[in-house]
Amino acid sequence: MLSTSIRASTPATSAFPEEAAVQMIDVHKWYGEFHVLRDINLSV
């Protein structure tokens, strides 16, 4: 039986890019009368 191995290389990228892909500022979320998130900030 023949076996073939392929190895792909990926370019190096920074672990901490300068710009966020997703950014949410001052998020509030309610479920009915229950305030579950208050002033949440998130950067991804």
Protein backbone atom coordinates (compact mmCIF):
# COMPACT_ATOMS: atom_id res chain seq x y z
CA MET A 1 0.00 0.00 0.00
CA LEU A 2 1.32 3.44 -0.91
CA SER A 3 1.11 6.32 1.51
CA THR A 4 1.41 9.98 0.56
CA SER A 5 1.85 12.77 3.03
CA ILE A 6 1.04 16.39 2.16
CA ARG A 7 2.15 19.20 4.38
CA ALA A 8 0.60 22.63 3.93
CA SER A 9 2.30 25.70 5.21
CA THR A 10 0.41 28.78 6.28
CA PRO A 11 1.81 32.28 6.30
CA ALA A 12 2.68 33.70 9.68
CA THR A 13 0.16 36.17 11.02
CA SER A 14 0.20 38.45 14.00
CA ALA A 15 -1.55 37.14 17.09
CA PHE A 16 -2.71 40.69 17.86
CA PRO A 17 -3.83 42.57 14.75
CA GLU A 18 -4.09 46.33 15.11
CA GLU A 19 -7.76 46.47 14.07
CA ALA A 20 -10.57 44.42 15.56
CA ALA A 21 -12.61 42.27 13.19
CA VAL A 22 -15.67 42.75 15.43
CA GLN A 23 -16.20 45.53 17.93
CA MET A 24 -19.23 46.11 20.16
CA ILE A 25 -19.45 49.13 22.46
CA ASP A 26 -21.92 49.83 25.30
CA VAL A 27 -24.12 46.81 24.52
CA HIS A 28 -27.29 46.26 26.53
CA LYS A 29 -29.45 43.14 26.23
CA TRP A 30 -32.82 42.47 27.77
CA TYR A 31 -34.81 39.22 28.01
CA GLY A 32 -38.28 40.43 28.83
CA GLU A 33 -37.87 42.46 32.02
CA PHE A 34 -34.48 40.90 32.88
CA HIS A 35 -31.48 43.13 32.01
CA VAL A 36 -28.78 40.50 31.26
CA LEU A 37 -26.00 42.67 29.75
CA ARG A 38 -25.15 46.20 30.87
CA ASP A 39 -22.59 48.41 29.11
CA ILE A 40 -20.63 45.46 27.65
CA ASN A 41 -17.64 46.22 25.38
CA LEU A 42 -16.11 43.50 23.19
CA SER A 43 -13.31 43.50 20.61
CA VAL A 44 -12.41 40.39 18.61
